[in-house]
């Protein structure tokens, strides 16, 4: 009974955190990304004090990367799939098969993770732009202090959170449970995804450092 109750709590936590994640990405897209894209597409449009600034398309892409694709994936391939399972939770309910499928698609995070350090740097640099700063502060006020950075870090944190939740669920699943083998494999695969993305992040950071050094030496030679 103790294991049953615990498994139910973990399943609900998986669902609740997934729902919060999807809602948060949606807020980021609607409150930050889309207004910036619209302002970029219509730079001559009359602006107010709190209108989104007109940034270059490449700058917007660097900040937000594949966040729209990640949101769509989680809404339709994760949240909408685990929701009916958790809502009809019972002693023999399974989630491992779903997460096994999910782990095979998690490489969609590669570009986002590789770009994350560039994203944060561009967002920091824009703090020196008065127009951007005024707009950003107005949005944060409306969102009760939720900054653009607090949204952009969420995809970086999500996969490690899955790993911990799956390990927790597996730990409280007995060996003859129908989800035992799938949960074990899903947790292992999620750990492999984390290692893969960490490696991609390191490779990207090394390339950025090399590019910076090349630029520095070129400047000295010129």
C-alpha atoms as a PDB file:
ATOM      1  CA  UNK A   1       0.000   0.000   0.000  1.00  0.00           C
ATOM      2  CA  UNK A   2       2.824   2.353   0.869  1.00  0.00           C
ATOM      3  CA  UNK A   3       4.406   1.813  -2.574  1.00  0.00           C
ATOM      4  CA  UNK A   4       1.032   2.290  -4.296  1.00  0.00           C
ATOM      5  CA  UNK A   5       0.446   5.638  -2.600  1.00  0.00           C
ATOM      6  CA  UNK A   6       4.002   6.769  -3.331  1.00  0.00           C
ATOM      7  CA  UNK A   7       3.772   5.785  -7.009  1.00  0.00           C
ATOM      8  CA  UNK A   8       0.529   7.734  -7.273  1.00  0.00           C
ATOM      9  CA  UNK A   9       2.187  10.857  -5.780  1.00  0.00           C
ATOM     10  CA  UNK A  10       5.141  10.648  -8.185  1.00  0.00           C
ATOM     11  CA  UNK A  11       2.815  10.164 -11.179  1.00  0.00           C
ATOM     12  CA  UNK A  12       0.838  13.250 -10.126  1.00  0.00           C
ATOM     13  CA  UNK A  13       4.076  15.214  -9.741  1.00  0.00           C
ATOM     14  CA  UNK A  14       5.146  14.196 -13.252  1.00  0.00           C
ATOM     15  CA  UNK A  15       1.816  15.422 -14.622  1.00  0.00           C
ATOM     16  CA  UNK A  16       1.705  18.645 -12.576  1.00  0.00           C
ATOM     17  CA  UNK A  17       5.277  19.643 -13.431  1.00  0.00           C
ATOM     18  CA  UNK A  18       4.678  18.814 -17.110  1.00  0.00           C
ATOM     19  CA  UNK A  19       1.561  20.970 -17.157  1.00  0.00           C
ATOM     20  CA  UNK A  20       3.449  23.839 -15.505  1.00  0.00           C
ATOM     21  CA  UNK A  21       6.314  23.428 -17.970  1.00  0.00           C
ATOM     22  CA  UNK A  22       4.040  23.543 -21.026  1.00  0.00           C
ATOM     23  CA  UNK A  23       2.100  26.532 -19.646  1.00  0.00           C
ATOM     24  CA  UNK A  24       5.348  28.375 -18.867  1.00  0.00           C
ATOM     25  CA  UNK A  25       6.770  27.828 -22.357  1.00  0.00           C
ATOM     26  CA  UNK A  26       3.464  29.031 -23.792  1.00  0.00           C
ATOM     27  CA  UNK A  27       3.680  32.202 -21.672  1.00  0.00           C
ATOM     28  CA  UNK A  28       7.254  32.820 -22.816  1.00  0.00           C
ATOM     29  CA  UNK A  29       6.252  32.419 -26.458  1.00  0.00           C
ATOM     30  CA  UNK A  30       3.160  34.648 -26.237  1.00  0.00           C
ATOM     31  CA  UNK A  31       4.544  37.350 -23.948  1.00  0.00           C
ATOM     32  CA  UNK A  32       8.139  37.599 -25.152  1.00  0.00           C
ATOM     33  CA  UNK A  33       8.848  35.781 -28.426  1.00  0.00           C
ATOM     34  CA  UNK A  34       5.795  36.648 -30.561  1.00  0.00           C
ATOM     35  CA  UNK A  35       5.766  40.405 -29.678  1.00  0.00           C
ATOM     36  CA  UNK A  36       9.470  40.582 -30.622  1.00  0.00           C
ATOM     37  CA  UNK A  37       8.830  38.726 -33.885  1.00  0.00           C
ATOM     38  CA  UNK A  38       5.912  41.037 -34.715  1.00  0.00           C
ATOM     39  CA  UNK A  39       7.990  44.143 -33.963  1.00  0.00           C
ATOM     40  CA  UNK A  40      10.802  42.798 -36.150  1.00  0.00           C
ATOM     41  CA  UNK A  41       8.368  42.141 -39.007  1.00  0.00           C
ATOM     42  CA  UNK A  42       6.821  45.654 -38.693  1.00  0.00           C
ATOM     43  CA  UNK A  43       9.680  47.979 -37.633  1.00  0.00           C
ATOM     44  CA  UNK A  44       7.912  51.103 -38.943  1.00  0.00           C
ATOM     45  CA  UNK A  45       4.800  50.541 -36.819  1.00  0.00           C
ATOM     46  CA  UNK A  46       4.098  53.372 -34.336  1.00  0.00           C
ATOM     47  CA  UNK A  47       5.448  52.407 -30.935  1.00  0.00           C
ATOM     48  CA  UNK A  48       4.379  53.196 -27.386  1.00  0.00           C
ATOM     49  CA  UNK A  49       6.664  53.325 -24.351  1.00  0.00           C
ATOM     50  CA  UNK A  50       6.059  49.630 -23.703  1.00  0.00           C
ATOM     51  CA  UNK A  51       6.065  48.334 -27.279  1.00  0.00           C
ATOM     52  CA  UNK A  52       8.414  45.474 -28.109  1.00  0.00           C
ATOM     53  CA  UNK A  53      11.670  46.755 -29.631  1.00  0.00           C
ATOM     54  CA  UNK A  54      12.636  45.948 -33.215  1.00  0.00           C
ATOM     55  CA  UNK A  55      15.451  43.410 -32.946  1.00  0.00           C
ATOM     56  CA  UNK A  56      17.185  41.608 -35.779  1.00  0.00           C
ATOM     57  CA  UNK A  57      15.621  38.255 -36.651  1.00  0.00           C
ATOM     58  CA  UNK A  58      18.969  36.541 -35.948  1.00  0.00           C
ATOM     59  CA  UNK A  59      19.054  38.052 -32.448  1.00  0.00           C
ATOM     60  CA  UNK A  60      15.547  36.784 -31.671  1.00  0.00           C
ATOM     61  CA  UNK A  61      16.519  33.357 -33.001  1.00  0.00           C
ATOM     62  CA  UNK A  62      19.626  33.296 -30.793  1.00  0.00           C
ATOM     63  CA  UNK A  63      17.616  34.154 -27.673  1.00  0.00           C
ATOM     64  CA  UNK A  64      14.739  31.713 -28.144  1.00  0.00           C
ATOM     65  CA  UNK A  65      16.263  28.993 -30.353  1.00  0.00           C
ATOM     66  CA  UNK A  66      13.841  26.036 -30.766  1.00  0.00           C
ATOM     67  CA  UNK A  67      11.516  26.921 -27.883  1.00  0.00           C
ATOM     68  CA  UNK A  68       8.406  26.801 -30.112  1.00  0.00           C
ATOM     69  CA  UNK A  69       9.232  23.316 -31.355  1.00  0.00           C
ATOM     70  CA  UNK A  70       9.957  22.114 -27.806  1.00  0.00           C
ATOM     71  CA  UNK A  71       6.636  23.523 -26.591  1.00  0.00           C
ATOM     72  CA  UNK A  72       4.687  21.807 -29.391  1.00  0.00           C
ATOM     73  CA  UNK A  73       6.450  18.508 -28.726  1.00  0.00           C
ATOM     74  CA  UNK A  74       5.683  18.590 -25.001  1.00  0.00           C
ATOM     75  CA  UNK A  75       2.085  19.664 -25.455  1.00  0.00           C
ATOM     76  CA  UNK A  76       1.123  16.959 -27.950  1.00  0.00           C
ATOM     77  CA  UNK A  77       3.651  14.155 -27.420  1.00  0.00           C
ATOM     78  CA  UNK A  78       4.097  14.317 -23.654  1.00  0.00           C
ATOM     79  CA  UNK A  79       1.377  16.190 -21.729  1.00  0.00           C
ATOM     80  CA  UNK A  80      -1.570  15.005 -23.822  1.00  0.00           C
ATOM     81  CA  UNK A  81      -0.286  11.422 -23.634  1.00  0.00           C
ATOM     82  CA  UNK A  82       0.453  11.149 -19.909  1.00  0.00           C
ATOM     83  CA  UNK A  83      -2.683  13.084 -18.861  1.00  0.00           C
ATOM     84  CA  UNK A  84      -5.227  10.261 -19.450  1.00  0.00           C
ATOM     85  CA  UNK A  85      -2.881   7.720 -17.837  1.00  0.00           C
ATOM     86  CA  UNK A  86      -2.470   9.711 -14.627  1.00  0.00           C
ATOM     87  CA  UNK A  87      -6.129  10.743 -14.475  1.00  0.00           C
ATOM     88  CA  UNK A  88      -7.119   7.054 -14.610  1.00  0.00           C
ATOM     89  CA  UNK A  89      -4.314   5.991 -12.243  1.00  0.00           C
ATOM     90  CA  UNK A  90      -4.532   2.555 -10.659  1.00  0.00           C
ATOM     91  CA  UNK A  91      -2.195   0.058  -9.039  1.00  0.00           C
ATOM     92  CA  UNK A  92      -1.068  -1.384 -12.403  1.00  0.00           C
ATOM     93  CA  UNK A  93      -0.984   1.835 -14.450  1.00  0.00           C
ATOM     94  CA  UNK A  94       2.148   2.405 -16.570  1.00  0.00           C
ATOM     95  CA  UNK A  95       4.200   5.403 -17.692  1.00  0.00           C
ATOM     96  CA  UNK A  96       7.468   3.710 -18.642  1.00  0.00           C
ATOM     97  CA  UNK A  97       6.408   2.924 -22.214  1.00  0.00           C
ATOM     98  CA  UNK A  98       5.565   6.590 -22.827  1.00  0.00           C
ATOM     99  CA  UNK A  99       8.922   7.803 -21.535  1.00  0.00           C
ATOM    100  CA  UNK A 100      10.775   5.192 -23.548  1.00  0.00           C
ATOM    101  CA  UNK A 101       9.261   6.734 -26.689  1.00  0.00           C
ATOM    102  CA  UNK A 102       9.973  10.250 -25.412  1.00  0.00           C
ATOM    103  CA  UNK A 103      13.676   9.578 -24.774  1.00  0.00           C
ATOM    104  CA  UNK A 104      14.153   8.586 -28.415  1.00  0.00           C
ATOM    105  CA  UNK A 105      12.933  12.067 -29.430  1.00  0.00           C
ATOM    106  CA  UNK A 106      14.802  14.128 -26.837  1.00  0.00           C
ATOM    107  CA  UNK A 107      17.565  15.046 -29.264  1.00  0.00           C
ATOM    108  CA  UNK A 108      15.281  17.893 -30.347  1.00  0.00           C
ATOM    109  CA  UNK A 109      16.840  19.622 -27.311  1.00  0.00           C
ATOM    110  CA  UNK A 110      20.346  19.486 -28.829  1.00  0.00           C
ATOM    111  CA  UNK A 111      20.239  22.860 -30.587  1.00  0.00           C
ATOM    112  CA  UNK A 112      18.587  24.565 -27.611  1.00  0.00           C
ATOM    113  CA  UNK A 113      21.172  23.247 -25.129  1.00  0.00           C
ATOM    114  CA  UNK A 114      24.098  24.034 -27.451  1.00  0.00           C
ATOM    115  CA  UNK A 115      22.784  27.566 -27.944  1.00  0.00           C
ATOM    116  CA  UNK A 116      21.868  28.283 -24.309  1.00  0.00           C
ATOM    117  CA  UNK A 117      25.080  30.114 -23.320  1.00  0.00           C
ATOM    118  CA  UNK A 118      24.752  32.335 -26.426  1.00  0.00           C
ATOM    119  CA  UNK A 119      21.096  32.940 -25.586  1.00  0.00           C
ATOM    120  CA  UNK A 120      21.834  34.115 -22.045  1.00  0.00           C
ATOM    121  CA  UNK A 121      24.715  36.315 -23.214  1.00  0.00           C
ATOM    122  CA  UNK A 122      22.559  38.079 -25.831  1.00  0.00           C
ATOM    123  CA  UNK A 123      19.780  38.591 -23.269  1.00  0.00           C
ATOM    124  CA  UNK A 124      22.338  40.095 -20.839  1.00  0.00           C
ATOM    125  CA  UNK A 125      23.796  42.365 -23.544  1.00  0.00           C
ATOM    126  CA  UNK A 126      20.300  43.676 -24.337  1.00  0.00           C
ATOM    127  CA  UNK A 127      20.003  44.991 -20.772  1.00  0.00           C
ATOM    128  CA  UNK A 128      22.046  47.966 -22.039  1.00  0.00           C
ATOM    129  CA  UNK A 129      19.336  48.771 -24.599  1.00  0.00           C
ATOM    130  CA  UNK A 130      16.944  51.234 -22.907  1.00  0.00           C
ATOM    131  CA  UNK A 131      14.011  50.395 -25.194  1.00  0.00           C
ATOM    132  CA  UNK A 132      14.395  46.656 -24.602  1.00  0.00           C
ATOM    133  CA  UNK A 133      14.841  47.173 -20.859  1.00  0.00           C
ATOM    134  CA  UNK A 134      11.662  49.275 -20.538  1.00  0.00           C
ATOM    135  CA  UNK A 135       9.640  46.701 -22.467  1.00  0.00           C
ATOM    136  CA  UNK A 136      11.110  43.776 -20.541  1.00  0.00           C
ATOM    137  CA  UNK A 137      10.366  45.425 -17.176  1.00  0.00           C
ATOM    138  CA  UNK A 138       6.770  46.111 -18.224  1.00  0.00           C
ATOM    139  CA  UNK A 139       6.293  42.442 -19.187  1.00  0.00           C
ATOM    140  CA  UNK A 140       7.888  41.252 -15.934  1.00  0.00           C
ATOM    141  CA  UNK A 141       5.542  43.487 -13.953  1.00  0.00           C
ATOM    142  CA  UNK A 142       2.563  41.923 -15.704  1.00  0.00           C
ATOM    143  CA  UNK A 143       3.958  38.432 -15.107  1.00  0.00           C
ATOM    144  CA  UNK A 144       4.584  39.034 -11.393  1.00  0.00           C
ATOM    145  CA  UNK A 145       8.351  39.280 -11.779  1.00  0.00           C
ATOM    146  CA  UNK A 146       8.928  36.318 -14.119  1.00  0.00           C
ATOM    147  CA  UNK A 147      11.913  37.345 -16.221  1.00  0.00           C
ATOM    148  CA  UNK A 148      12.786  36.131 -19.677  1.00  0.00           C
ATOM    149  CA  UNK A 149      15.733  34.242 -18.156  1.00  0.00           C
ATOM    150  CA  UNK A 150      13.494  32.338 -15.738  1.00  0.00           C
ATOM    151  CA  UNK A 151      11.621  30.917 -18.748  1.00  0.00           C
ATOM    152  CA  UNK A 152      14.644  30.255 -20.966  1.00  0.00           C
ATOM    153  CA  UNK A 153      16.349  28.051 -18.360  1.00  0.00           C
ATOM    154  CA  UNK A 154      13.333  25.727 -18.039  1.00  0.00           C
ATOM    155  CA  UNK A 155      14.169  23.456 -21.024  1.00  0.00           C
ATOM    156  CA  UNK A 156      17.695  23.052 -19.618  1.00  0.00           C
ATOM    157  CA  UNK A 157      16.262  21.867 -16.295  1.00  0.00           C
ATOM    158  CA  UNK A 158      13.440  19.664 -17.600  1.00  0.00           C
ATOM    159  CA  UNK A 159      15.301  16.513 -18.696  1.00  0.00           C
ATOM    160  CA  UNK A 160      17.282  16.138 -15.433  1.00  0.00           C
ATOM    161  CA  UNK A 161      13.949  16.529 -13.621  1.00  0.00           C
ATOM    162  CA  UNK A 162      12.485  13.666 -15.694  1.00  0.00           C
ATOM    163  CA  UNK A 163      15.460  11.507 -14.776  1.00  0.00           C
ATOM    164  CA  UNK A 164      14.966  12.065 -11.044  1.00  0.00           C
ATOM    165  CA  UNK A 165      11.210  11.467 -11.222  1.00  0.00           C
ATOM    166  CA  UNK A 166      11.578   8.281 -13.272  1.00  0.00           C
ATOM    167  CA  UNK A 167      14.228   6.942 -10.895  1.00  0.00           C
ATOM    168  CA  UNK A 168      11.923   7.709  -7.975  1.00  0.00           C
ATOM    169  CA  UNK A 169       8.964   5.993  -9.637  1.00  0.00           C
ATOM    170  CA  UNK A 170      11.100   2.951 -10.531  1.00  0.00           C
ATOM    171  CA  UNK A 171      12.459   2.717  -6.986  1.00  0.00           C
ATOM    172  CA  UNK A 172       8.898   2.248  -5.692  1.00  0.00           C
ATOM    173  CA  UNK A 173       7.789  -0.200  -8.405  1.00  0.00           C
ATOM    174  CA  UNK A 174       7.986  -3.892  -7.583  1.00  0.00           C
ATOM    175  CA  UNK A 175       9.630  -6.402  -9.935  1.00  0.00           C
ATOM    176  CA  UNK A 176       6.496  -8.159 -11.179  1.00  0.00           C
ATOM    177  CA  UNK A 177       4.709  -4.862 -11.938  1.00  0.00           C
ATOM    178  CA  UNK A 178       3.963  -4.479 -15.694  1.00  0.00           C
ATOM    179  CA  UNK A 179       5.832  -1.139 -15.741  1.00  0.00           C
ATOM    180  CA  UNK A 180       9.001  -2.344 -13.987  1.00  0.00           C
ATOM    181  CA  UNK A 181      11.140  -3.188 -17.036  1.00  0.00           C
ATOM    182  CA  UNK A 182      10.047  -0.138 -19.072  1.00  0.00           C
ATOM    183  CA  UNK A 183      10.618   2.259 -16.169  1.00  0.00           C
ATOM    184  CA  UNK A 184      14.091   0.844 -15.563  1.00  0.00           C
ATOM    185  CA  UNK A 185      14.985   1.236 -19.235  1.00  0.00           C
ATOM    186  CA  UNK A 186      13.370   4.692 -19.508  1.00  0.00           C
ATOM    187  CA  UNK A 187      15.367   6.001 -16.529  1.00  0.00           C
ATOM    188  CA  UNK A 188      18.590   4.603 -17.997  1.00  0.00           C
ATOM    189  CA  UNK A 189      17.839   6.089 -21.418  1.00  0.00           C
ATOM    190  CA  UNK A 190      17.006   9.479 -19.875  1.00  0.00           C
ATOM    191  CA  UNK A 191      20.388   9.392 -18.128  1.00  0.00           C
ATOM    192  CA  UNK A 192      22.026   8.716 -21.505  1.00  0.00           C
ATOM    193  CA  UNK A 193      20.151  11.680 -23.024  1.00  0.00           C
ATOM    194  CA  UNK A 194      21.516  13.942 -20.253  1.00  0.00           C
ATOM    195  CA  UNK A 195      25.071  12.735 -20.977  1.00  0.00           C
ATOM    196  CA  UNK A 196      24.567  13.273 -24.728  1.00  0.00           C
ATOM    197  CA  UNK A 197      23.241  16.824 -24.234  1.00  0.00           C
ATOM    198  CA  UNK A 198      26.018  17.670 -21.753  1.00  0.00           C
ATOM    199  CA  UNK A 199      28.569  16.549 -24.349  1.00  0.00           C
ATOM    200  CA  UNK A 200      26.901  18.693 -27.034  1.00  0.00           C
ATOM    201  CA  UNK A 201      26.919  21.677 -24.667  1.00  0.00           C
ATOM    202  CA  UNK A 202      30.646  21.229 -23.945  1.00  0.00           C
ATOM    203  CA  UNK A 203      31.427  20.919 -27.667  1.00  0.00           C
ATOM    204  CA  UNK A 204      29.491  24.108 -28.395  1.00  0.00           C
ATOM    205  CA  UNK A 205      31.234  26.024 -25.585  1.00  0.00           C
ATOM    206  CA  UNK A 206      34.652  24.843 -26.837  1.00  0.00           C
ATOM    207  CA  UNK A 207      33.817  26.006 -30.372  1.00  0.00           C
ATOM    208  CA  UNK A 208      32.718  29.401 -29.017  1.00  0.00           C
ATOM    209  CA  UNK A 209      35.991  29.752 -27.105  1.00  0.00           C
ATOM    210  CA  UNK A 210      37.997  28.864 -30.208  1.00  0.00           C
ATOM    211  CA  UNK A 211      36.018  31.383 -32.264  1.00  0.00           C
ATOM    212  CA  UNK A 212      36.667  34.076 -29.630  1.00  0.00           C
ATOM    213  CA  UNK A 213      40.391  33.310 -29.604  1.00  0.00           C
ATOM    214  CA  UNK A 214      40.522  33.343 -33.413  1.00  0.00           C
ATOM    215  CA  UNK A 215      38.778  36.718 -33.440  1.00  0.00           C
ATOM    216  CA  UNK A 216      41.173  38.070 -30.803  1.00  0.00           C
ATOM    217  CA  UNK A 217      44.268  36.963 -32.699  1.00  0.00           C
ATOM    218  CA  UNK A 218      42.888  38.296 -35.984  1.00  0.00           C
ATOM    219  CA  UNK A 219      42.349  41.655 -34.274  1.00  0.00           C
ATOM    220  CA  UNK A 220      45.966  41.692 -33.057  1.00  0.00           C
ATOM    221  CA  UNK A 221      47.321  40.782 -36.502  1.00  0.00           C
ATOM    222  CA  UNK A 222      45.160  43.385 -38.263  1.00  0.00           C
END
